[in-house]
């Protein structure tokens, strides 16, 4: 008779252990997902720190920067003068 009183306790332990295992698996998956996301963002020059996200800037030489700026300026100038 005493053993029959322990069956609900064992069932409770089994249910709690099962829920704990499911929770742990969800935790592991979320950690893996966060790690994959961090690696993906690092490829795009975005790094997450305690202070927030820091975005890296690609190295652009002064000559390339000047060429692009001048090209954009010339396109704008030509577009403005054609309408008159």
PDB file of N, CA and C in Angstrom:
ATOM      1  N   UNK A   1       0.814  -1.182   0.000  1.00  0.00           N
ATOM      2  CA  UNK A   1       0.000   0.000   0.000  1.00  0.00           C
ATOM      3  C   UNK A   1       0.867   1.259   0.000  1.00  0.00           C
ATOM      4  N   UNK A   2       2.013   1.208   0.681  1.00  0.00           N
ATOM      5  CA  UNK A   2       2.901   2.364   0.721  1.00  0.00           C
ATOM      6  C   UNK A   2       3.515   2.668  -0.634  1.00  0.00           C
ATOM      7  N   UNK A   3       3.775   1.621  -1.434  1.00  0.00           N
ATOM      8  CA  UNK A   3       4.364   1.823  -2.758  1.00  0.00           C
ATOM      9  C   UNK A   3       3.376   2.487  -3.701  1.00  0.00           C
ATOM     10  N   UNK A   4       2.097   2.219  -3.521  1.00  0.00           N
ATOM     11  CA  UNK A   4       1.083   2.831  -4.383  1.00  0.00           C
ATOM     12  C   UNK A   4       0.975   4.335  -4.140  1.00  0.00           C
ATOM     13  N   UNK A   5       1.297   4.769  -2.937  1.00  0.00           N
ATOM     14  CA  UNK A   5       1.263   6.198  -2.628  1.00  0.00           C
ATOM     15  C   UNK A   5       2.432   6.944  -3.269  1.00  0.00           C
ATOM     16  N   UNK A   6       3.494   6.236  -3.613  1.00  0.00           N
ATOM     17  CA  UNK A   6       4.668   6.867  -4.216  1.00  0.00           C
ATOM     18  C   UNK A   6       4.562   7.009  -5.731  1.00  0.00           C
ATOM     19  N   UNK A   7       3.637   6.309  -6.363  1.00  0.00           N
ATOM     20  CA  UNK A   7       3.511   6.360  -7.827  1.00  0.00           C
ATOM     21  C   UNK A   7       3.228   7.783  -8.319  1.00  0.00           C
ATOM     22  N   UNK A   8       2.303   8.541  -7.712  1.00  0.00           N
ATOM     23  CA  UNK A   8       2.097   9.921  -8.187  1.00  0.00           C
ATOM     24  C   UNK A   8       3.340  10.797  -8.032  1.00  0.00           C
ATOM     25  N   UNK A   9       4.130  10.529  -7.000  1.00  0.00           N
ATOM     26  CA  UNK A   9       5.368  11.283  -6.804  1.00  0.00           C
ATOM     27  C   UNK A   9       6.360  10.996  -7.925  1.00  0.00           C
ATOM     28  N   UNK A  10       6.495   9.726  -8.300  1.00  0.00           N
ATOM     29  CA  UNK A  10       7.390   9.370  -9.406  1.00  0.00           C
ATOM     30  C   UNK A  10       6.897   9.963 -10.729  1.00  0.00           C
ATOM     31  N   UNK A  11       5.583   9.974 -10.923  1.00  0.00           N
ATOM     32  CA  UNK A  11       5.028  10.577 -12.139  1.00  0.00           C
ATOM     33  C   UNK A  11       5.331  12.076 -12.160  1.00  0.00           C
ATOM     34  N   UNK A  12       5.190  12.731 -11.013  1.00  0.00           N
ATOM     35  CA  UNK A  12       5.506  14.158 -10.917  1.00  0.00           C
ATOM     36  C   UNK A  12       6.974  14.411 -11.247  1.00  0.00           C
ATOM     37  N   UNK A  13       7.873  13.601 -10.686  1.00  0.00           N
ATOM     38  CA  UNK A  13       9.298  13.749 -10.981  1.00  0.00           C
ATOM     39  C   UNK A  13       9.584  13.542 -12.462  1.00  0.00           C
ATOM     40  N   UNK A  14       8.920  12.565 -13.078  1.00  0.00           N
ATOM     41  CA  UNK A  14       9.126  12.297 -14.503  1.00  0.00           C
ATOM     42  C   UNK A  14       8.651  13.476 -15.348  1.00  0.00           C
ATOM     43  N   UNK A  15       7.515  14.049 -14.998  1.00  0.00           N
ATOM     44  CA  UNK A  15       6.985  15.200 -15.747  1.00  0.00           C
ATOM     45  C   UNK A  15       7.902  16.409 -15.577  1.00  0.00           C
ATOM     46  N   UNK A  16       8.340  16.670 -14.362  1.00  0.00           N
ATOM     47  CA  UNK A  16       9.240  17.803 -14.107  1.00  0.00           C
ATOM     48  C   UNK A  16      10.564  17.605 -14.839  1.00  0.00           C
ATOM     49  N   UNK A  17      11.089  16.385 -14.816  1.00  0.00           N
ATOM     50  CA  UNK A  17      12.342  16.102 -15.525  1.00  0.00           C
ATOM     51  C   UNK A  17      12.152  16.278 -17.031  1.00  0.00           C
ATOM     52  N   UNK A  18      11.023  15.825 -17.563  1.00  0.00           N
ATOM     53  CA  UNK A  18      10.748  15.988 -18.993  1.00  0.00           C
ATOM     54  C   UNK A  18      10.644  17.452 -19.383  1.00  0.00           C
ATOM     55  N   UNK A  19       9.943  18.238 -18.587  1.00  0.00           N
ATOM     56  CA  UNK A  19       9.838  19.671 -18.866  1.00  0.00           C
ATOM     57  C   UNK A  19      11.194  20.366 -18.735  1.00  0.00           C
ATOM     58  N   UNK A  20      11.987  19.942 -17.771  1.00  0.00           N
ATOM     59  CA  UNK A  20      13.331  20.504 -17.629  1.00  0.00           C
ATOM     60  C   UNK A  20      14.198  20.201 -18.832  1.00  0.00           C
ATOM     61  N   UNK A  21      14.099  18.982 -19.341  1.00  0.00           N
ATOM     62  CA  UNK A  21      14.885  18.597 -20.520  1.00  0.00           C
ATOM     63  C   UNK A  21      14.460  19.412 -21.739  1.00  0.00           C
ATOM     64  N   UNK A  22      13.151  19.580 -21.926  1.00  0.00           N
ATOM     65  CA  UNK A  22      12.651  20.381 -23.054  1.00  0.00           C
ATOM     66  C   UNK A  22      13.119  21.830 -22.919  1.00  0.00           C
ATOM     67  N   UNK A  23      13.052  22.381 -21.715  1.00  0.00           N
ATOM     68  CA  UNK A  23      13.530  23.747 -21.486  1.00  0.00           C
ATOM     69  C   UNK A  23      15.010  23.887 -21.771  1.00  0.00           C
ATOM     70  N   UNK A  24      15.793  22.894 -21.379  1.00  0.00           N
ATOM     71  CA  UNK A  24      17.231  22.925 -21.629  1.00  0.00           C
ATOM     72  C   UNK A  24      17.528  22.857 -23.121  1.00  0.00           C
ATOM     73  N   UNK A  25      16.780  22.044 -23.855  1.00  0.00           N
ATOM     74  CA  UNK A  25      16.978  21.956 -25.306  1.00  0.00           C
ATOM     75  C   UNK A  25      16.633  23.279 -25.984  1.00  0.00           C
ATOM     76  N   UNK A  26      15.582  23.938 -25.523  1.00  0.00           N
ATOM     77  CA  UNK A  26      15.227  25.256 -26.065  1.00  0.00           C
ATOM     78  C   UNK A  26      16.331  26.255 -25.766  1.00  0.00           C
ATOM     79  N   UNK A  27      16.892  26.195 -24.561  1.00  0.00           N
ATOM     80  CA  UNK A  27      17.997  27.075 -24.193  1.00  0.00           C
ATOM     81  C   UNK A  27      19.206  26.847 -25.091  1.00  0.00           C
ATOM     82  N   UNK A  28      19.564  25.585 -25.320  1.00  0.00           N
ATOM     83  CA  UNK A  28      20.708  25.280 -26.181  1.00  0.00           C
ATOM     84  C   UNK A  28      20.484  25.780 -27.602  1.00  0.00           C
ATOM     85  N   UNK A  29      19.286  25.585 -28.126  1.00  0.00           N
ATOM     86  CA  UNK A  29      18.984  26.026 -29.489  1.00  0.00           C
ATOM     87  C   UNK A  29      19.038  27.549 -29.595  1.00  0.00           C
ATOM     88  N   UNK A  30      18.527  28.254 -28.591  1.00  0.00           N
ATOM     89  CA  UNK A  30      18.553  29.715 -28.644  1.00  0.00           C
ATOM     90  C   UNK A  30      19.983  30.237 -28.561  1.00  0.00           C
ATOM     91  N   UNK A  31      20.832  29.597 -27.775  1.00  0.00           N
ATOM     92  CA  UNK A  31      22.235  30.000 -27.707  1.00  0.00           C
ATOM     93  C   UNK A  31      22.928  29.781 -29.050  1.00  0.00           C
ATOM     94  N   UNK A  32      22.656  28.652 -29.687  1.00  0.00           N
ATOM     95  CA  UNK A  32      23.244  28.359 -30.997  1.00  0.00           C
ATOM     96  C   UNK A  32      22.758  29.366 -32.039  1.00  0.00           C
ATOM     97  N   UNK A  33      21.491  29.702 -31.987  1.00  0.00           N
ATOM     98  CA  UNK A  33      20.920  30.659 -32.925  1.00  0.00           C
ATOM     99  C   UNK A  33      21.537  32.038 -32.730  1.00  0.00           C
ATOM    100  N   UNK A  34      21.739  32.445 -31.485  1.00  0.00           N
ATOM    101  CA  UNK A  34      22.364  33.736 -31.200  1.00  0.00           C
ATOM    102  C   UNK A  34      23.805  33.757 -31.696  1.00  0.00           C
ATOM    103  N   UNK A  35      24.522  32.666 -31.525  1.00  0.00           N
ATOM    104  CA  UNK A  35      25.915  32.590 -31.987  1.00  0.00           C
ATOM    105  C   UNK A  35      25.983  32.688 -33.508  1.00  0.00           C
ATOM    106  N   UNK A  36      25.078  31.985 -34.193  1.00  0.00           N
ATOM    107  CA  UNK A  36      25.053  32.062 -35.661  1.00  0.00           C
ATOM    108  C   UNK A  36      24.732  33.477 -36.121  1.00  0.00           C
ATOM    109  N   UNK A  37      23.808  34.135 -35.438  1.00  0.00           N
ATOM    110  CA  UNK A  37      23.456  35.510 -35.792  1.00  0.00           C
ATOM    111  C   UNK A  37      24.614  36.461 -35.583  1.00  0.00           C
ATOM    112  N   UNK A  38      25.342  36.268 -34.490  1.00  0.00           N
ATOM    113  CA  UNK A  38      26.504  37.114 -34.215  1.00  0.00           C
ATOM    114  C   UNK A  38      27.572  36.933 -35.279  1.00  0.00           C
ATOM    115  N   UNK A  39      27.849  35.695 -35.667  1.00  0.00           N
ATOM    116  CA  UNK A  39      28.845  35.443 -36.709  1.00  0.00           C
ATOM    117  C   UNK A  39      28.414  36.044 -38.034  1.00  0.00           C
ATOM    118  N   UNK A  40      27.121  35.948 -38.347  1.00  0.00           N
ATOM    119  CA  UNK A  40      26.615  36.495 -39.606  1.00  0.00           C
ATOM    120  C   UNK A  40      26.758  38.017 -39.618  1.00  0.00           C
ATOM    121  N   UNK A  41      26.479  38.654 -38.492  1.00  0.00           N
ATOM    122  CA  UNK A  41      26.583  40.112 -38.433  1.00  0.00           C
ATOM    123  C   UNK A  41      28.036  40.569 -38.426  1.00  0.00           C
ATOM    124  N   UNK A  42      28.944  39.761 -37.866  1.00  0.00           N
ATOM    125  CA  UNK A  42      30.356  40.123 -37.889  1.00  0.00           C
ATOM    126  C   UNK A  42      30.895  40.125 -39.308  1.00  0.00           C
ATOM    127  N   UNK A  43      30.347  39.266 -40.163  1.00  0.00           N
ATOM    128  CA  UNK A  43      30.757  39.275 -41.565  1.00  0.00           C
ATOM    129  C   UNK A  43      30.359  40.581 -42.234  1.00  0.00           C
ATOM    130  N   UNK A  44      29.328  41.231 -41.715  1.00  0.00           N
ATOM    131  CA  UNK A  44      28.855  42.492 -42.274  1.00  0.00           C
ATOM    132  C   UNK A  44      29.402  43.685 -41.487  1.00  0.00           C
ATOM    133  N   UNK A  45      30.465  43.478 -40.726  1.00  0.00           N
ATOM    134  CA  UNK A  45      31.149  44.517 -39.951  1.00  0.00           C
ATOM    135  C   UNK A  45      30.270  45.126 -38.862  1.00  0.00           C
ATOM    136  N   UNK A  46      29.414  44.328 -38.232  1.00  0.00           N
ATOM    137  CA  UNK A  46      28.617  44.776 -37.093  1.00  0.00           C
ATOM    138  C   UNK A  46      29.013  43.913 -35.900  1.00  0.00           C
ATOM    139  N   UNK A  47      29.463  44.560 -34.823  1.00  0.00           N
ATOM    140  CA  UNK A  47      29.914  43.845 -33.632  1.00  0.00           C
ATOM    141  C   UNK A  47      29.056  44.293 -32.455  1.00  0.00           C
ATOM    142  N   UNK A  48      28.543  43.332 -31.683  1.00  0.00           N
ATOM    143  CA  UNK A  48      27.725  43.643 -30.519  1.00  0.00           C
ATOM    144  C   UNK A  48      28.593  43.625 -29.269  1.00  0.00           C
ATOM    145  N   UNK A  49      28.529  44.704 -28.489  1.00  0.00           N
ATOM    146  CA  UNK A  49      29.260  44.807 -27.233  1.00  0.00           C
ATOM    147  C   UNK A  49      28.271  45.149 -26.121  1.00  0.00           C
ATOM    148  N   UNK A  50      28.788  45.329 -24.904  1.00  0.00           N
ATOM    149  CA  UNK A  50      27.927  45.718 -23.789  1.00  0.00           C
ATOM    150  C   UNK A  50      27.335  47.110 -24.007  1.00  0.00           C
ATOM    151  N   UNK A  51      28.085  47.969 -24.697  1.00  0.00           N
ATOM    152  CA  UNK A  51      27.638  49.342 -24.931  1.00  0.00           C
ATOM    153  C   UNK A  51      26.645  49.450 -26.075  1.00  0.00           C
ATOM    154  N   UNK A  52      26.525  48.414 -26.879  1.00  0.00           N
ATOM    155  CA  UNK A  52      25.612  48.440 -28.023  1.00  0.00           C
ATOM    156  C   UNK A  52      26.288  47.866 -29.245  1.00  0.00           C
ATOM    157  N   UNK A  53      25.713  48.139 -30.389  1.00  0.00           N
ATOM    158  CA  UNK A  53      26.262  47.632 -31.647  1.00  0.00           C
ATOM    159  C   UNK A  53      27.237  48.647 -32.220  1.00  0.00           C
ATOM    160  N   UNK A  54      28.351  48.156 -32.705  1.00  0.00           N
ATOM    161  CA  UNK A  54      29.333  49.012 -33.361  1.00  0.00           C
ATOM    162  C   UNK A  54      29.438  48.574 -34.809  1.00  0.00           C
ATOM    163  N   UNK A  55      29.341  49.537 -35.701  1.00  0.00           N
ATOM    164  CA  UNK A  55      29.380  49.251 -37.126  1.00  0.00           C
ATOM    165  C   UNK A  55      30.742  49.656 -37.651  1.00  0.00           C
ATOM    166  N   UNK A  56      31.433  48.710 -38.264  1.00  0.00           N
ATOM    167  CA  UNK A  56      32.723  49.003 -38.857  1.00  0.00           C
ATOM    168  C   UNK A  56      32.546  49.611 -40.235  1.00  0.00           C
ATOM    169  N   UNK A  57      33.506  50.408 -40.621  1.00  0.00           N
ATOM    170  CA  UNK A  57      33.465  51.059 -41.927  1.00  0.00           C
ATOM    171  C   UNK A  57      34.541  50.430 -42.790  1.00  0.00           C
ATOM    172  N   UNK A  58      34.171  50.138 -44.010  1.00  0.00           N
ATOM    173  CA  UNK A  58      35.152  49.560 -44.919  1.00  0.00           C
ATOM    174  C   UNK A  58      36.212  50.594 -45.263  1.00  0.00           C
ATOM    175  N   UNK A  59      37.392  50.108 -45.492  1.00  0.00           N
ATOM    176  CA  UNK A  59      38.511  50.981 -45.828  1.00  0.00           C
ATOM    177  C   UNK A  59      38.336  51.493 -47.255  1.00  0.00           C
ATOM    178  N   UNK A  60      38.277  52.813 -47.399  1.00  0.00           N
ATOM    179  CA  UNK A  60      38.158  53.441 -48.713  1.00  0.00           C
ATOM    180  C   UNK A  60      39.303  54.428 -48.839  1.00  0.00           C
ATOM    181  N   UNK A  61      40.053  54.302 -49.907  1.00  0.00           N
ATOM    182  CA  UNK A  61      41.180  55.216 -50.089  1.00  0.00           C
ATOM    183  C   UNK A  61      40.659  56.610 -50.423  1.00  0.00           C
ATOM    184  N   UNK A  62      41.486  57.604 -50.184  1.00  0.00           N
ATOM    185  CA  UNK A  62      41.091  58.991 -50.440  1.00  0.00           C
ATOM    186  C   UNK A  62      40.811  59.210 -51.923  1.00  0.00           C
ATOM    187  N   UNK A  63      41.584  58.549 -52.778  1.00  0.00           N
ATOM    188  CA  UNK A  63      41.393  58.723 -54.219  1.00  0.00           C
ATOM    189  C   UNK A  63      40.043  58.157 -54.668  1.00  0.00           C
ATOM    190  N   UNK A  64      39.698  56.970 -54.186  1.00  0.00           N
ATOM    191  CA  UNK A  64      38.404  56.383 -54.549  1.00  0.00           C
ATOM    192  C   UNK A  64      37.253  57.225 -54.005  1.00  0.00           C
ATOM    193  N   UNK A  65      37.415  57.731 -52.787  1.00  0.00           N
ATOM    194  CA  UNK A  65      36.373  58.568 -52.201  1.00  0.00           C
ATOM    195  C   UNK A  65      36.178  59.836 -53.030  1.00  0.00           C
ATOM    196  N   UNK A  66      37.279  60.457 -53.432  1.00  0.00           N
ATOM    197  CA  UNK A  66      37.205  61.666 -54.250  1.00  0.00           C
ATOM    198  C   UNK A  66      36.565  61.371 -55.600  1.00  0.00           C
ATOM    199  N   UNK A  67      36.941  60.253 -56.213  1.00  0.00           N
ATOM    200  CA  UNK A  67      36.365  59.887 -57.508  1.00  0.00           C
ATOM    201  C   UNK A  67      34.856  59.681 -57.408  1.00  0.00           C
ATOM    202  N   UNK A  68      34.417  58.980 -56.402  1.00  0.00           N
ATOM    203  CA  UNK A  68      32.979  58.736 -56.242  1.00  0.00           C
ATOM    204  C   UNK A  68      32.225  60.035 -55.964  1.00  0.00           C
ATOM    205  N   UNK A  69      32.792  60.875 -55.113  1.00  0.00           N
ATOM    206  CA  UNK A  69      32.151  62.144 -54.795  1.00  0.00           C
ATOM    207  C   UNK A  69      32.063  63.025 -56.031  1.00  0.00           C
ATOM    208  N   UNK A  70      33.153  63.085 -56.777  1.00  0.00           N
ATOM    209  CA  UNK A  70      33.164  63.920 -57.976  1.00  0.00           C
ATOM    210  C   UNK A  70      32.182  63.381 -59.016  1.00  0.00           C
ATOM    211  N   UNK A  71      32.108  62.072 -59.158  1.00  0.00           N
ATOM    212  CA  UNK A  71      31.190  61.460 -60.117  1.00  0.00           C
ATOM    213  C   UNK A  71      29.743  61.798 -59.749  1.00  0.00           C
ATOM    214  N   UNK A  72      29.412  61.698 -58.470  1.00  0.00           N
ATOM    215  CA  UNK A  72      28.058  62.029 -58.027  1.00  0.00           C
ATOM    216  C   UNK A  72      27.766  63.508 -58.244  1.00  0.00           C
ATOM    217  N   UNK A  73      28.732  64.355 -57.976  1.00  0.00           N
ATOM    218  CA  UNK A  73      28.554  65.797 -58.170  1.00  0.00           C
ATOM    219  C   UNK A  73      28.331  66.124 -59.643  1.00  0.00           C
ATOM    220  N   UNK A  74      29.108  65.515 -60.520  1.00  0.00           N
ATOM    221  CA  UNK A  74      28.970  65.758 -61.960  1.00  0.00           C
ATOM    222  C   UNK A  74      27.609  65.273 -62.452  1.00  0.00           C
ATOM    223  N   UNK A  75      27.162  64.109 -61.997  1.00  0.00           N
ATOM    224  CA  UNK A  75      25.839  63.608 -62.399  1.00  0.00           C
ATOM    225  C   UNK A  75      24.742  64.566 -61.947  1.00  0.00           C
ATOM    226  N   UNK A  76      24.851  65.067 -60.727  1.00  0.00           N
ATOM    227  CA  UNK A  76      23.856  66.003 -60.213  1.00  0.00           C
ATOM    228  C   UNK A  76      23.882  67.302 -61.004  1.00  0.00           C
ATOM    229  N   UNK A  77      25.070  67.792 -61.287  1.00  0.00           N
ATOM    230  CA  UNK A  77      25.228  69.033 -62.048  1.00  0.00           C
ATOM    231  C   UNK A  77      24.627  68.882 -63.449  1.00  0.00           C
ATOM    232  N   UNK A  78      24.936  67.774 -64.113  1.00  0.00           N
ATOM    233  CA  UNK A  78      24.411  67.544 -65.458  1.00  0.00           C
ATOM    234  C   UNK A  78      22.889  67.393 -65.448  1.00  0.00           C
ATOM    235  N   UNK A  79      22.356  66.729 -64.459  1.00  0.00           N
ATOM    236  CA  UNK A  79      20.908  66.559 -64.370  1.00  0.00           C
ATOM    237  C   UNK A  79      20.218  67.895 -64.127  1.00  0.00           C
ATOM    238  N   UNK A  80      20.840  68.766 -63.356  1.00  0.00           N
ATOM    239  CA  UNK A  80      20.247  70.072 -63.062  1.00  0.00           C
ATOM    240  C   UNK A  80      20.306  70.992 -64.274  1.00  0.00           C
ATOM    241  N   UNK A  81      21.376  70.926 -65.045  1.00  0.00           N
ATOM    242  CA  UNK A  81      21.510  71.826 -66.194  1.00  0.00           C
ATOM    243  C   UNK A  81      20.691  71.357 -67.381  1.00  0.00           C
ATOM    244  N   UNK A  82      20.355  70.101 -67.482  1.00  0.00           N
ATOM    245  CA  UNK A  82      19.575  69.600 -68.611  1.00  0.00           C
ATOM    246  C   UNK A  82      18.123  70.032 -68.519  1.00  0.00           C
ATOM    247  N   UNK A  83      17.609  70.256 -67.356  1.00  0.00           N
ATOM    248  CA  UNK A  83      16.205  70.610 -67.189  1.00  0.00           C
ATOM    249  C   UNK A  83      15.928  72.058 -67.566  1.00  0.00           C
ATOM    250  N   UNK A  84      16.920  72.900 -67.599  1.00  0.00           N
ATOM    251  CA  UNK A  84      16.719  74.323 -67.896  1.00  0.00           C
ATOM    252  C   UNK A  84      16.586  74.531 -69.325  1.00  0.00           C
TER     253      UNK A  84
END
